[in-house]
Amino acid sequence: PKPMLPLNGGKPILQEIIEQAKSNGFELIYLSVNYLKEQIIDYFEDGKKFGVKINYLIEKEPLGTAGSLALLPKENNLPVLVMNGDIVTKFNLRYLLDFHKNINSHATMAVIEHETKLPFGVVKTNGTRLETFEEKPTISHLVNAGIYVINQELIKNNINGKIQLDMPEFFLRAKNMDLNVNVCPIFEYWIDIGRLDTLKRAQNQGMIDTKNFKT
């Protein structure tokens, strides 16, 4: 599974995430697992050797990045911080939680600026008349960073755990309910190794240990 890919030094990405969460003050962690779950469970066990308590949310069928939140214990009423298992970042997770609470948000998504350089010149026209021409411009967008804080009430009332539900759809549903849905910008190091191109970039930056890859 992608979260078990080793970083430089042989440490799985998921271990880096757990250690980061602990250093930011989080001690109770739930891992939502499905594909090749035994590799994750056998490695992390109950989390004691990492200084945290780990429980597992077992997805019998893939539930999506939001759907598995329905498997969380119902008695907990605190906001939940959710993070994808294939992200490496230096972002302070406690800051995101404080940001969420300070603005009374129902759901908060961390975002990061992503720049795309177009390989062609961009032509702007007025009908058939040439207006401007920009040679190979760089376009900037805010993109989903795969880190979220969500209020428990929103989870309990809107996720049933019976159908697959991904986070973007869940956030749009919350917005359409006129709830207080926000974004929090990340300025620290962040990389998603879920795609081949970004995986190679992480390797080039020394974050991924290719010597420990297993096939």
C-alpha atoms as a PDB file:
ATOM      1  CA  PRO A   1       0.000   0.000   0.000  1.00  0.00           C
ATOM      2  CA  LYS A   2       1.178   3.521  -0.800  1.00  0.00           C
ATOM      3  CA  PRO A   3       1.335   4.680   2.850  1.00  0.00           C
ATOM      4  CA  MET A   4       3.944   1.979   3.502  1.00  0.00           C
ATOM      5  CA  LEU A   5       6.383   3.238   0.850  1.00  0.00           C
ATOM      6  CA  PRO A   6       9.661   3.996   2.654  1.00  0.00           C
ATOM      7  CA  LEU A   7      10.970   7.504   3.051  1.00  0.00           C
ATOM      8  CA  ASN A   8      14.678   8.238   2.925  1.00  0.00           C
ATOM      9  CA  GLY A   9      16.055   6.147   5.816  1.00  0.00           C
ATOM     10  CA  GLY A  10      13.529   3.327   5.440  1.00  0.00           C
ATOM     11  CA  LYS A  11      10.680   4.825   7.491  1.00  0.00           C
ATOM     12  CA  PRO A  12       7.195   4.291   5.959  1.00  0.00           C
ATOM     13  CA  ILE A  13       5.319   7.432   4.969  1.00  0.00           C
ATOM     14  CA  LEU A  14       2.530   6.525   7.385  1.00  0.00           C
ATOM     15  CA  GLN A  15       5.015   6.354  10.262  1.00  0.00           C
ATOM     16  CA  GLU A  16       6.207   9.858   9.393  1.00  0.00           C
ATOM     17  CA  ILE A  17       2.577  11.040   9.489  1.00  0.00           C
ATOM     18  CA  ILE A  18       1.948   9.377  12.858  1.00  0.00           C
ATOM     19  CA  GLU A  19       5.135  10.793  14.372  1.00  0.00           C
ATOM     20  CA  GLN A  20       4.246  14.237  13.054  1.00  0.00           C
ATOM     21  CA  ALA A  21       0.759  13.963  14.566  1.00  0.00           C
ATOM     22  CA  LYS A  22       2.269  12.977  17.918  1.00  0.00           C
ATOM     23  CA  SER A  23       4.718  15.903  17.849  1.00  0.00           C
ATOM     24  CA  ASN A  24       1.741  18.204  17.171  1.00  0.00           C
ATOM     25  CA  GLY A  25      -0.087  16.898  20.253  1.00  0.00           C
ATOM     26  CA  PHE A  26      -2.319  14.160  18.811  1.00  0.00           C
ATOM     27  CA  GLU A  27      -2.252  10.845  20.701  1.00  0.00           C
ATOM     28  CA  LEU A  28      -5.366   8.937  19.564  1.00  0.00           C
ATOM     29  CA  ILE A  29      -5.167   7.863  15.920  1.00  0.00           C
ATOM     30  CA  TYR A  30      -7.575   5.876  13.749  1.00  0.00           C
ATOM     31  CA  LEU A  31      -6.244   4.265  10.588  1.00  0.00           C
ATOM     32  CA  SER A  32      -8.846   3.529   7.940  1.00  0.00           C
ATOM     33  CA  VAL A  33      -7.645   0.394   6.140  1.00  0.00           C
ATOM     34  CA  ASN A  34      -8.799  -1.824   3.303  1.00  0.00           C
ATOM     35  CA  TYR A  35      -6.303  -2.795   0.591  1.00  0.00           C
ATOM     36  CA  LEU A  36      -3.399  -4.896   1.974  1.00  0.00           C
ATOM     37  CA  LYS A  37      -4.478  -3.856   5.464  1.00  0.00           C
ATOM     38  CA  GLU A  38      -2.491  -6.646   7.142  1.00  0.00           C
ATOM     39  CA  GLN A  39       0.791  -4.948   6.212  1.00  0.00           C
ATOM     40  CA  ILE A  40      -0.292  -1.790   8.018  1.00  0.00           C
ATOM     41  CA  ILE A  41      -1.819  -3.501  11.059  1.00  0.00           C
ATOM     42  CA  ASP A  42       1.160  -5.842  11.543  1.00  0.00           C
ATOM     43  CA  TYR A  43       3.609  -2.936  11.391  1.00  0.00           C
ATOM     44  CA  PHE A  44       1.864  -0.414  13.649  1.00  0.00           C
ATOM     45  CA  GLU A  45      -0.079  -2.780  15.951  1.00  0.00           C
ATOM     46  CA  ASP A  46      -1.685  -0.741  18.765  1.00  0.00           C
ATOM     47  CA  GLY A  47       0.722   2.191  18.325  1.00  0.00           C
ATOM     48  CA  LYS A  48       2.410   1.769  21.699  1.00  0.00           C
ATOM     49  CA  LYS A  49       5.910   1.577  20.238  1.00  0.00           C
ATOM     50  CA  PHE A  50       5.264   4.912  18.495  1.00  0.00           C
ATOM     51  CA  GLY A  51       3.985   6.617  21.647  1.00  0.00           C
ATOM     52  CA  VAL A  52       0.339   6.834  20.505  1.00  0.00           C
ATOM     53  CA  LYS A  53      -2.836   4.764  20.642  1.00  0.00           C
ATOM     54  CA  ILE A  54      -3.895   3.370  17.267  1.00  0.00           C
ATOM     55  CA  ASN A  55      -7.292   1.895  16.430  1.00  0.00           C
ATOM     56  CA  TYR A  56      -8.341   0.558  13.036  1.00  0.00           C
ATOM     57  CA  LEU A  57     -11.401   1.309  10.944  1.00  0.00           C
ATOM     58  CA  ILE A  58     -11.830  -1.784   8.780  1.00  0.00           C
ATOM     59  CA  GLU A  59     -13.492  -1.042   5.453  1.00  0.00           C
ATOM     60  CA  LYS A  60     -15.115  -4.210   4.116  1.00  0.00           C
ATOM     61  CA  GLU A  61     -15.561  -2.356   0.841  1.00  0.00           C
ATOM     62  CA  PRO A  62     -13.756   0.858  -0.155  1.00  0.00           C
ATOM     63  CA  LEU A  63     -15.716   3.751   1.367  1.00  0.00           C
ATOM     64  CA  GLY A  64     -13.725   6.693   0.014  1.00  0.00           C
ATOM     65  CA  THR A  65     -11.805   9.391   1.848  1.00  0.00           C
ATOM     66  CA  ALA A  66     -14.910  10.589   3.710  1.00  0.00           C
ATOM     67  CA  GLY A  67     -17.091   7.478   3.850  1.00  0.00           C
ATOM     68  CA  SER A  68     -14.939   5.616   6.371  1.00  0.00           C
ATOM     69  CA  LEU A  69     -15.458   8.385   8.964  1.00  0.00           C
ATOM     70  CA  ALA A  70     -18.841   6.780   9.684  1.00  0.00           C
ATOM     71  CA  LEU A  71     -16.895   3.942  11.355  1.00  0.00           C
ATOM     72  CA  LEU A  72     -15.549   6.260  14.082  1.00  0.00           C
ATOM     73  CA  PRO A  73     -16.922   5.771  17.633  1.00  0.00           C
ATOM     74  CA  LYS A  74     -20.193   7.624  18.020  1.00  0.00           C
ATOM     75  CA  GLU A  75     -19.533   8.825  21.585  1.00  0.00           C
ATOM     76  CA  ASN A  76     -16.726  11.199  20.575  1.00  0.00           C
ATOM     77  CA  ASN A  77     -17.907  14.780  20.000  1.00  0.00           C
ATOM     78  CA  LEU A  78     -14.561  16.470  19.311  1.00  0.00           C
ATOM     79  CA  PRO A  79     -13.541  17.688  15.826  1.00  0.00           C
ATOM     80  CA  VAL A  80     -11.657  15.101  13.781  1.00  0.00           C
ATOM     81  CA  LEU A  81      -8.450  15.852  11.906  1.00  0.00           C
ATOM     82  CA  VAL A  82      -8.209  13.730   8.760  1.00  0.00           C
ATOM     83  CA  MET A  83      -5.106  13.263   6.630  1.00  0.00           C
ATOM     84  CA  ASN A  84      -4.469  11.208   3.510  1.00  0.00           C
ATOM     85  CA  GLY A  85      -1.889   8.467   3.977  1.00  0.00           C
ATOM     86  CA  ASP A  86       0.303   9.377   1.004  1.00  0.00           C
ATOM     87  CA  ILE A  87       1.283  12.947   1.941  1.00  0.00           C
ATOM     88  CA  VAL A  88       4.590  14.249   3.234  1.00  0.00           C
ATOM     89  CA  THR A  89       4.423  17.735   4.758  1.00  0.00           C
ATOM     90  CA  LYS A  90       5.985  19.971   7.405  1.00  0.00           C
ATOM     91  CA  PHE A  91       2.637  21.693   8.030  1.00  0.00           C
ATOM     92  CA  ASN A  92       1.698  22.030  11.714  1.00  0.00           C
ATOM     93  CA  LEU A  93      -1.479  20.004  12.153  1.00  0.00           C
ATOM     94  CA  ARG A  94      -2.284  21.723  15.463  1.00  0.00           C
ATOM     95  CA  TYR A  95      -2.420  25.051  13.619  1.00  0.00           C
ATOM     96  CA  LEU A  96      -5.127  23.690  11.302  1.00  0.00           C
ATOM     97  CA  LEU A  97      -7.200  22.497  14.263  1.00  0.00           C
ATOM     98  CA  ASP A  98      -6.866  25.874  16.015  1.00  0.00           C
ATOM     99  CA  PHE A  99      -7.729  27.694  12.761  1.00  0.00           C
ATOM    100  CA  HIS A 100     -10.867  25.548  12.415  1.00  0.00           C
ATOM    101  CA  LYS A 101     -12.002  26.201  15.999  1.00  0.00           C
ATOM    102  CA  ASN A 102     -11.218  29.929  16.021  1.00  0.00           C
ATOM    103  CA  ILE A 103     -13.508  30.656  13.065  1.00  0.00           C
ATOM    104  CA  ASN A 104     -16.258  28.240  14.244  1.00  0.00           C
ATOM    105  CA  SER A 105     -15.945  26.219  11.071  1.00  0.00           C
ATOM    106  CA  HIS A 106     -17.978  23.072  10.464  1.00  0.00           C
ATOM    107  CA  ALA A 107     -15.443  21.708   7.976  1.00  0.00           C
ATOM    108  CA  THR A 108     -12.014  23.029   6.990  1.00  0.00           C
ATOM    109  CA  MET A 109      -9.830  21.917   4.099  1.00  0.00           C
ATOM    110  CA  ALA A 110      -6.112  22.651   3.921  1.00  0.00           C
ATOM    111  CA  VAL A 111      -5.126  24.003   0.501  1.00  0.00           C
ATOM    112  CA  ILE A 112      -1.825  24.747  -1.184  1.00  0.00           C
ATOM    113  CA  GLU A 113      -0.905  26.894  -4.171  1.00  0.00           C
ATOM    114  CA  HIS A 114      -0.033  24.883  -7.263  1.00  0.00           C
ATOM    115  CA  GLU A 115       1.545  26.439 -10.325  1.00  0.00           C
ATOM    116  CA  THR A 116       1.238  25.078 -13.853  1.00  0.00           C
ATOM    117  CA  LYS A 117       3.404  26.426 -16.666  1.00  0.00           C
ATOM    118  CA  LEU A 118       1.615  26.205 -20.006  1.00  0.00           C
ATOM    119  CA  PRO A 119       3.841  24.921 -22.819  1.00  0.00           C
ATOM    120  CA  PHE A 120       2.254  27.246 -25.386  1.00  0.00           C
ATOM    121  CA  GLY A 121       1.673  30.935 -25.867  1.00  0.00           C
ATOM    122  CA  VAL A 122      -1.811  32.068 -24.833  1.00  0.00           C
ATOM    123  CA  VAL A 123      -3.764  34.211 -27.283  1.00  0.00           C
ATOM    124  CA  LYS A 124      -6.634  36.451 -26.153  1.00  0.00           C
ATOM    125  CA  THR A 125      -9.002  37.814 -28.760  1.00  0.00           C
ATOM    126  CA  ASN A 126     -12.034  40.006 -29.249  1.00  0.00           C
ATOM    127  CA  GLY A 127     -13.896  38.174 -31.944  1.00  0.00           C
ATOM    128  CA  THR A 128     -11.255  37.690 -34.617  1.00  0.00           C
ATOM    129  CA  ARG A 129      -9.125  40.629 -33.480  1.00  0.00           C
ATOM    130  CA  LEU A 130      -5.955  39.936 -31.544  1.00  0.00           C
ATOM    131  CA  GLU A 131      -5.973  41.593 -28.117  1.00  0.00           C
ATOM    132  CA  THR A 132      -2.967  40.225 -26.221  1.00  0.00           C
ATOM    133  CA  PHE A 133      -0.452  37.442 -26.412  1.00  0.00           C
ATOM    134  CA  GLU A 134       1.339  35.888 -23.425  1.00  0.00           C
ATOM    135  CA  GLU A 135       4.223  33.498 -24.035  1.00  0.00           C
ATOM    136  CA  LYS A 136       4.022  30.293 -21.961  1.00  0.00           C
ATOM    137  CA  PRO A 137       2.365  31.805 -18.860  1.00  0.00           C
ATOM    138  CA  THR A 138       2.308  30.234 -15.406  1.00  0.00           C
ATOM    139  CA  ILE A 139      -1.172  29.672 -13.979  1.00  0.00           C
ATOM    140  CA  SER A 140      -1.660  29.443 -10.212  1.00  0.00           C
ATOM    141  CA  HIS A 141      -4.497  27.615  -8.425  1.00  0.00           C
ATOM    142  CA  LEU A 142      -5.300  26.560  -4.878  1.00  0.00           C
ATOM    143  CA  VAL A 143      -5.530  22.753  -4.706  1.00  0.00           C
ATOM    144  CA  ASN A 144      -6.792  20.312  -2.099  1.00  0.00           C
ATOM    145  CA  ALA A 145      -3.896  19.326   0.199  1.00  0.00           C
ATOM    146  CA  GLY A 146      -5.600  16.198   1.572  1.00  0.00           C
ATOM    147  CA  ILE A 147      -5.749  17.422   5.194  1.00  0.00           C
ATOM    148  CA  TYR A 148      -9.055  18.306   6.853  1.00  0.00           C
ATOM    149  CA  VAL A 149     -10.773  19.118  10.147  1.00  0.00           C
ATOM    150  CA  ILE A 150     -14.433  18.144  10.416  1.00  0.00           C
ATOM    151  CA  ASN A 151     -16.936  18.499  13.253  1.00  0.00           C
ATOM    152  CA  GLN A 152     -18.319  15.233  14.595  1.00  0.00           C
ATOM    153  CA  GLU A 153     -21.914  16.403  14.260  1.00  0.00           C
ATOM    154  CA  LEU A 154     -21.418  16.870  10.520  1.00  0.00           C
ATOM    155  CA  ILE A 155     -19.993  13.362  10.218  1.00  0.00           C
ATOM    156  CA  LYS A 156     -22.743  11.685  12.240  1.00  0.00           C
ATOM    157  CA  ASN A 157     -25.583  13.402  10.389  1.00  0.00           C
ATOM    158  CA  ASN A 158     -24.276  13.141   6.825  1.00  0.00           C
ATOM    159  CA  ILE A 159     -22.102  10.018   6.418  1.00  0.00           C
ATOM    160  CA  ASN A 160     -23.788   6.623   6.736  1.00  0.00           C
ATOM    161  CA  GLY A 161     -20.839   4.362   5.874  1.00  0.00           C
ATOM    162  CA  LYS A 162     -22.899   2.422   3.330  1.00  0.00           C
ATOM    163  CA  ILE A 163     -21.821   4.148   0.122  1.00  0.00           C
ATOM    164  CA  GLN A 164     -18.489   5.411  -1.142  1.00  0.00           C
ATOM    165  CA  LEU A 165     -17.994   9.091  -0.450  1.00  0.00           C
ATOM    166  CA  ASP A 166     -14.913  11.153  -1.227  1.00  0.00           C
ATOM    167  CA  MET A 167     -13.914  14.316   0.567  1.00  0.00           C
ATOM    168  CA  PRO A 168     -14.528  16.838  -2.286  1.00  0.00           C
ATOM    169  CA  GLU A 169     -18.140  15.680  -2.644  1.00  0.00           C
ATOM    170  CA  PHE A 170     -18.622  15.734   1.119  1.00  0.00           C
ATOM    171  CA  PHE A 171     -17.334  19.317   1.361  1.00  0.00           C
ATOM    172  CA  LEU A 172     -19.572  20.448  -1.495  1.00  0.00           C
ATOM    173  CA  ARG A 173     -22.568  18.877   0.247  1.00  0.00           C
ATOM    174  CA  ALA A 174     -21.712  20.753   3.444  1.00  0.00           C
ATOM    175  CA  LYS A 175     -21.378  24.016   1.495  1.00  0.00           C
ATOM    176  CA  ASN A 176     -24.738  23.436  -0.191  1.00  0.00           C
ATOM    177  CA  MET A 177     -26.258  23.066   3.297  1.00  0.00           C
ATOM    178  CA  ASP A 178     -25.111  26.658   4.009  1.00  0.00           C
ATOM    179  CA  LEU A 179     -22.712  25.452   6.696  1.00  0.00           C
ATOM    180  CA  ASN A 180     -19.520  27.299   7.595  1.00  0.00           C
ATOM    181  CA  VAL A 181     -17.028  25.581   5.259  1.00  0.00           C
ATOM    182  CA  ASN A 182     -13.539  27.054   4.959  1.00  0.00           C
ATOM    183  CA  VAL A 183     -10.050  26.570   3.572  1.00  0.00           C
ATOM    184  CA  CYS A 184      -6.717  27.057   5.328  1.00  0.00           C
ATOM    185  CA  PRO A 185      -3.595  27.763   3.223  1.00  0.00           C
ATOM    186  CA  ILE A 186      -0.376  25.768   3.621  1.00  0.00           C
ATOM    187  CA  PHE A 187       2.945  27.538   3.049  1.00  0.00           C
ATOM    188  CA  GLU A 188       5.207  24.792   4.394  1.00  0.00           C
ATOM    189  CA  TYR A 189       6.736  21.873   2.485  1.00  0.00           C
ATOM    190  CA  TRP A 190       4.054  19.547   1.069  1.00  0.00           C
ATOM    191  CA  ILE A 191       4.087  16.765  -1.493  1.00  0.00           C
ATOM    192  CA  ASP A 192       1.554  14.106  -2.505  1.00  0.00           C
ATOM    193  CA  ILE A 193       3.346  10.943  -3.620  1.00  0.00           C
ATOM    194  CA  GLY A 194       0.141   9.337  -4.891  1.00  0.00           C
ATOM    195  CA  ARG A 195       1.119   9.950  -8.542  1.00  0.00           C
ATOM    196  CA  LEU A 196       4.150   8.680 -10.416  1.00  0.00           C
ATOM    197  CA  ASP A 197       5.476  12.151 -11.272  1.00  0.00           C
ATOM    198  CA  THR A 198       5.320  13.398  -7.687  1.00  0.00           C
ATOM    199  CA  LEU A 199       6.772  10.125  -6.413  1.00  0.00           C
ATOM    200  CA  LYS A 200       9.782  10.658  -8.674  1.00  0.00           C
ATOM    201  CA  ARG A 201      10.074  14.253  -7.468  1.00  0.00           C
ATOM    202  CA  ALA A 202      10.110  13.082  -3.849  1.00  0.00           C
ATOM    203  CA  GLN A 203      12.805  10.558  -4.762  1.00  0.00           C
ATOM    204  CA  ASN A 204      14.889  13.330  -6.329  1.00  0.00           C
ATOM    205  CA  GLN A 205      14.455  15.442  -3.198  1.00  0.00           C
ATOM    206  CA  GLY A 206      15.767  12.572  -1.074  1.00  0.00           C
ATOM    207  CA  MET A 207      12.452  11.951   0.700  1.00  0.00           C
ATOM    208  CA  ILE A 208      11.842   8.438  -0.679  1.00  0.00           C
ATOM    209  CA  ASP A 209      14.238   5.573  -0.101  1.00  0.00           C
ATOM    210  CA  THR A 210      14.234   3.593  -3.365  1.00  0.00           C
ATOM    211  CA  LYS A 211      16.675   1.048  -1.922  1.00  0.00           C
ATOM    212  CA  ASN A 212      13.907  -0.303   0.304  1.00  0.00           C
ATOM    213  CA  PHE A 213      11.306  -0.709  -2.441  1.00  0.00           C
ATOM    214  CA  LYS A 214       9.797  -4.184  -2.576  1.00  0.00           C
ATOM    215  CA  THR A 215       8.122  -5.703  -5.617  1.00  0.00           C
END
